Amino acid sequence: SMFIKLAGDLPSFEKAFFRNFVALIFITILMLRSRTSFRPERRNLPALFGRCFFGTLGLLCNFYAIGKLNLPDANMLNKLSPFFAILFSIFLLREKPNLVQVLGVLVAFGGSVCIIKPSFANPQMLPALAGVLGGLGAGAAYTFVRYLGARGENGSRIVFYFAFACVGQLGITKAYVCAPAREISVYDYTQVLFAAALGFFVFGDVPDWLSVLGYVLICGAGVGMFLYNRRHDAAHP
């Protein structure tokens, strides 16, 4: 995220192309070395397309938001993705959320409102909404990853068809293939800590109190759901 912002006023498509092109080279080499087939099962093609479409949408919107907002705000809005993943899981995976998850989603969206500060007088409202759309796209993409994992699709092949931040993408794809979003999403929030630190030291970004409140609400909802799910899983092994 820091390097995306440092790239300056370039089109989001250009930034996305070079980021993905380098990742595509690495994942191709890995697949050739492991002799992984590049051809997915035909029944998985629609889901792979969905993963690529929503992933690209989320990527471009996130890049645009990073270029226009301070770094921690843009990253925090992108961290709405696990909550969108819960919503998309209802339709794609037939996973019904419980009351705690519903409350978590509502609290997270309340936090996003604090960051967006909806007002026609706010010049950063459009980039903030783009950040939310980036989270939506990422959440949908991760749901498709979970769906593909349940259908036995190879994780490296999923990354190949959407080459993106290769090392991190391999890790997050493996995580979402192996476990539902509700169990692993809390670990993704560590990115926000790095973004806040880099934003302050590199760009001098200092969020206002409403943004900080939004961070607390979104992170609190994510950690709260994680703790609830861990306790629930321990009680119902």
Protein backbone atom coordinates (compact mmCIF):
# COMPACT_ATOMS: atom_id res chain seq x y z
CA SER A 1 0.00 0.00 0.00
CA MET A 2 2.85 2.38 0.79
CA PHE A 3 4.48 1.84 -2.60
CA ILE A 4 1.13 2.28 -4.37
CA LYS A 5 0.84 5.70 -2.76
CA LEU A 6 4.49 6.55 -3.48
CA ALA A 7 3.90 5.74 -7.17
CA GLY A 8 2.08 9.06 -7.36
CA ASP A 9 -0.64 10.21 -9.70
CA LEU A 10 -0.61 7.25 -12.07
CA PRO A 11 -3.81 5.52 -13.28
CA SER A 12 -4.95 2.70 -10.99
CA PHE A 13 -4.98 0.38 -14.03
CA GLU A 14 -1.29 1.04 -14.65
CA LYS A 15 -0.36 0.37 -11.02
CA ALA A 16 -2.46 -2.81 -11.04
CA PHE A 17 -0.86 -4.03 -14.28
CA PHE A 18 2.74 -3.81 -13.06
CA ARG A 19 1.91 -5.21 -9.63
CA ASN A 20 0.11 -8.19 -11.15
CA PHE A 21 2.57 -8.75 -13.99
CA VAL A 22 5.51 -9.29 -11.64
CA ALA A 23 3.38 -11.56 -9.45
CA LEU A 24 2.30 -13.51 -12.54
CA ILE A 25 5.95 -14.29 -13.35
CA PHE A 26 6.62 -15.61 -9.84
CA ILE A 27 3.50 -17.77 -9.63
CA THR A 28 4.16 -19.18 -13.12
CA ILE A 29 7.66 -20.27 -12.06
CA LEU A 30 6.27 -21.84 -8.87
CA MET A 31 3.64 -23.76 -10.81
CA LEU A 32 6.16 -24.99 -13.37
CA ARG A 33 8.54 -26.16 -10.63
CA SER A 34 5.75 -28.05 -8.84
CA ARG A 35 4.33 -29.30 -12.17
CA THR A 36 0.91 -27.90 -11.34
CA SER A 37 -1.45 -27.88 -14.31
CA PHE A 38 -2.56 -24.47 -15.59
CA ARG A 39 -5.91 -25.90 -16.68
CA PRO A 40 -8.62 -25.77 -14.00
CA GLU A 41 -11.62 -28.06 -13.91
CA ARG A 42 -14.32 -26.79 -16.23
CA ARG A 43 -16.89 -26.73 -13.43
CA ASN A 44 -14.69 -24.23 -11.53
CA LEU A 45 -14.39 -21.72 -14.39
CA PRO A 46 -17.43 -19.60 -13.38
CA ALA A 47 -16.14 -19.31 -9.80
CA LEU A 48 -12.63 -18.46 -11.04
CA PHE A 49 -14.15 -15.75 -13.22
CA GLY A 50 -16.07 -14.41 -10.20
CA ARG A 51 -12.90 -14.40 -8.12
CA CYS A 52 -11.02 -12.50 -10.86
CA PHE A 53 -13.85 -10.03 -11.58
CA PHE A 54 -14.51 -9.05 -7.98
CA GLY A 55 -10.81 -9.20 -7.12
CA THR A 56 -10.00 -6.78 -9.94
CA LEU A 57 -12.85 -4.49 -8.93
CA GLY A 58 -11.64 -4.48 -5.33
CA LEU A 59 -8.02 -3.97 -6.39
CA LEU A 60 -8.71 -0.95 -8.61
CA CYS A 61 -11.01 0.72 -6.09
CA ASN A 62 -8.51 0.12 -3.30
CA PHE A 63 -5.67 1.60 -5.36
CA TYR A 64 -7.79 4.67 -6.12
CA ALA A 65 -8.65 5.10 -2.43
CA ILE A 66 -4.99 4.72 -1.38
CA GLY A 67 -4.02 7.45 -3.83
CA LYS A 68 -6.62 9.91 -2.52
CA LEU A 69 -6.95 9.13 1.22
CA ASN A 70 -4.43 8.88 4.02
CA LEU A 71 -2.95 5.40 4.22
CA PRO A 72 -4.61 4.07 7.42
CA ASP A 73 -8.08 5.26 6.31
CA ALA A 74 -7.77 3.53 2.92
CA ASN A 75 -6.47 0.33 4.47
CA MET A 76 -9.14 0.26 7.16
CA LEU A 77 -11.95 0.61 4.61
CA ASN A 78 -10.43 -2.31 2.71
CA LYS A 79 -10.57 -4.30 5.95
CA LEU A 80 -14.35 -4.35 5.60
CA SER A 81 -13.73 -7.31 3.26
CA PRO A 82 -14.25 -10.03 5.93
CA PHE A 83 -17.66 -8.57 6.77
CA PHE A 84 -18.63 -8.47 3.11
CA ALA A 85 -17.36 -12.06 2.89
CA ILE A 86 -19.88 -13.02 5.58
CA LEU A 87 -22.67 -11.43 3.54
CA PHE A 88 -21.60 -13.07 0.27
CA SER A 89 -21.21 -16.43 2.03
CA ILE A 90 -24.96 -16.40 2.66
CA PHE A 91 -25.66 -16.58 -1.09
CA LEU A 92 -22.65 -18.47 -2.45
CA LEU A 93 -21.86 -20.95 0.33
CA ARG A 94 -25.25 -21.10 2.05
CA GLU A 95 -23.53 -20.26 5.37
CA LYS A 96 -26.05 -18.57 7.67
CA PRO A 97 -24.55 -15.91 9.99
CA ASN A 98 -25.48 -15.98 13.66
CA LEU A 99 -26.56 -13.01 15.76
CA VAL A 100 -22.99 -12.17 16.83
CA GLN A 101 -21.84 -12.05 13.20
CA VAL A 102 -24.79 -9.84 12.22
CA LEU A 103 -23.97 -7.46 15.07
CA GLY A 104 -20.30 -7.50 14.02
CA VAL A 105 -21.24 -6.50 10.47
CA LEU A 106 -23.44 -3.65 11.75
CA VAL A 107 -20.70 -2.35 14.07
CA ALA A 108 -18.12 -2.54 11.26
CA PHE A 109 -20.31 -0.57 8.90
CA GLY A 110 -20.89 1.96 11.65
CA GLY A 111 -17.12 2.31 11.86
CA SER A 112 -16.90 2.81 8.10
CA VAL A 113 -19.38 5.68 8.35
CA CYS A 114 -17.05 7.37 10.87
CA ILE A 115 -14.19 7.12 8.38
CA ILE A 116 -16.23 8.15 5.31
CA LYS A 117 -17.92 11.10 7.08
CA PRO A 118 -20.71 11.25 4.48
CA SER A 119 -21.30 14.82 3.36
CA PHE A 120 -21.50 16.56 0.00
CA ALA A 121 -19.04 19.09 1.45
CA ASN A 122 -16.44 16.37 2.10
CA PRO A 123 -14.05 16.23 -0.90
CA GLN A 124 -12.80 12.80 0.20
CA MET A 125 -16.22 11.16 0.24
CA LEU A 126 -15.88 9.68 -3.27
CA PRO A 127 -12.46 8.09 -2.59
CA ALA A 128 -13.83 6.79 0.72
CA LEU A 129 -16.79 5.18 -1.03
CA ALA A 130 -14.33 3.69 -3.52
CA GLY A 131 -12.49 2.23 -0.52
CA VAL A 132 -15.71 0.60 0.69
CA LEU A 133 -16.30 -0.78 -2.81
CA GLY A 134 -12.75 -2.13 -2.71
CA GLY A 135 -13.60 -3.96 0.51
CA LEU A 136 -16.77 -5.30 -1.09
CA GLY A 137 -14.86 -6.61 -4.10
CA ALA A 138 -12.21 -8.22 -1.90
CA GLY A 139 -14.87 -9.80 0.32
CA ALA A 140 -16.65 -11.30 -2.68
CA ALA A 141 -13.33 -12.51 -4.11
CA TYR A 142 -12.38 -14.23 -0.84
CA THR A 143 -15.78 -15.93 -0.78
CA PHE A 144 -15.09 -17.33 -4.24
CA VAL A 145 -11.68 -18.51 -3.00
CA ARG A 146 -13.40 -20.36 -0.15
CA TYR A 147 -15.90 -21.81 -2.63
CA LEU A 148 -13.13 -22.96 -4.97
CA GLY A 149 -11.19 -24.49 -2.07
CA ALA A 150 -14.26 -26.50 -1.07
CA ARG A 151 -14.44 -27.79 -4.65
CA GLY A 152 -10.80 -28.92 -4.57
CA GLU A 153 -9.27 -26.20 -6.76
CA ASN A 154 -5.50 -25.82 -6.44
CA GLY A 155 -4.47 -22.71 -4.45
CA SER A 156 -1.57 -21.81 -6.76
CA ARG A 157 -3.85 -22.01 -9.77
CA ILE A 158 -6.32 -19.63 -8.09
CA VAL A 159 -3.49 -17.13 -7.58
CA PHE A 160 -2.28 -17.63 -11.19
CA TYR A 161 -5.65 -16.59 -12.58
CA PHE A 162 -5.53 -13.51 -10.37
CA ALA A 163 -1.83 -12.73 -9.96
CA PHE A 164 -1.74 -10.23 -7.09
CA ALA A 165 0.88 -9.39 -4.45
CA CYS A 166 2.33 -12.86 -4.89
CA VAL A 167 3.69 -13.79 -1.43
CA GLY A 168 0.84 -12.24 0.51
CA GLN A 169 -1.74 -13.57 -1.94
CA LEU A 170 -0.42 -17.13 -1.65
CA GLY A 171 -0.75 -16.86 2.13
CA ILE A 172 -4.23 -15.35 2.18
CA THR A 173 -5.45 -17.77 -0.53
CA LYS A 174 -4.18 -20.74 1.47
CA ALA A 175 -5.88 -19.37 4.57
CA TYR A 176 -9.26 -18.84 2.89
CA VAL A 177 -9.06 -22.24 1.18
CA CYS A 178 -8.53 -23.97 4.53
CA ALA A 179 -10.88 -22.01 6.80
CA PRO A 180 -13.94 -19.72 6.71
CA ALA A 181 -13.47 -15.95 6.78
CA ARG A 182 -14.94 -15.75 10.29
CA GLU A 183 -12.02 -17.78 11.67
CA ILE A 184 -9.03 -16.10 10.02
CA SER A 185 -10.03 -12.53 9.22
CA VAL A 186 -8.69 -11.13 12.50
CA TYR A 187 -5.11 -11.85 11.42
CA ASP A 188 -5.54 -9.66 8.34
CA TYR A 189 -6.04 -6.63 10.58
CA THR A 190 -2.32 -6.56 11.38
CA GLN A 191 -1.94 -4.86 7.99
CA VAL A 192 -3.70 -1.81 9.42
CA LEU A 193 -1.04 -1.43 12.13
CA PHE A 194 1.73 -1.42 9.52
CA ALA A 195 -0.25 0.97 7.31
CA ALA A 196 -0.80 3.41 10.18
CA ALA A 197 2.89 3.39 11.11
CA LEU A 198 4.10 3.77 7.52
CA GLY A 199 1.48 6.43 6.80
CA PHE A 200 2.70 8.48 9.75
CA PHE A 201 6.45 8.16 9.17
CA VAL A 202 6.44 8.32 5.35
CA PHE A 203 3.51 10.59 4.52
CA GLY A 204 2.85 12.35 7.82
CA ASP A 205 -0.73 11.01 7.88
CA VAL A 206 -2.51 11.73 11.17
CA PRO A 207 -6.13 10.49 11.26
CA ASP A 208 -8.79 12.60 12.98
CA TRP A 209 -10.75 11.37 15.98
CA LEU A 210 -13.69 10.13 13.90
CA SER A 211 -11.38 7.97 11.81
CA VAL A 212 -9.75 6.59 14.96
CA LEU A 213 -13.23 5.77 16.31
CA GLY A 214 -13.95 4.00 13.02
CA TYR A 215 -10.73 1.97 13.37
CA VAL A 216 -11.70 0.92 16.89
CA LEU A 217 -15.20 -0.13 15.82
CA ILE A 218 -14.08 -2.12 12.78
CA CYS A 219 -11.11 -3.80 14.51
CA GLY A 220 -13.20 -4.37 17.64
CA ALA A 221 -15.91 -6.07 15.60
CA GLY A 222 -13.34 -8.27 13.88
CA VAL A 223 -11.56 -9.28 17.10
CA GLY A 224 -14.90 -9.78 18.87
CA MET A 225 -16.14 -12.17 16.19
CA PHE A 226 -12.84 -14.04 16.23
CA LEU A 227 -12.98 -14.55 20.01
CA TYR A 228 -16.63 -15.59 19.84
CA ASN A 229 -15.97 -18.14 17.08
CA ARG A 230 -12.97 -19.58 18.91
CA ARG A 231 -15.02 -19.99 22.10
CA HIS A 232 -17.90 -21.47 20.12
CA ASP A 233 -15.63 -23.95 18.32
CA ALA A 234 -14.05 -24.98 21.63
CA ALA A 235 -17.50 -25.65 23.12
CA HIS A 236 -18.68 -27.57 20.02
CA PRO A 237 -15.66 -29.52 18.74
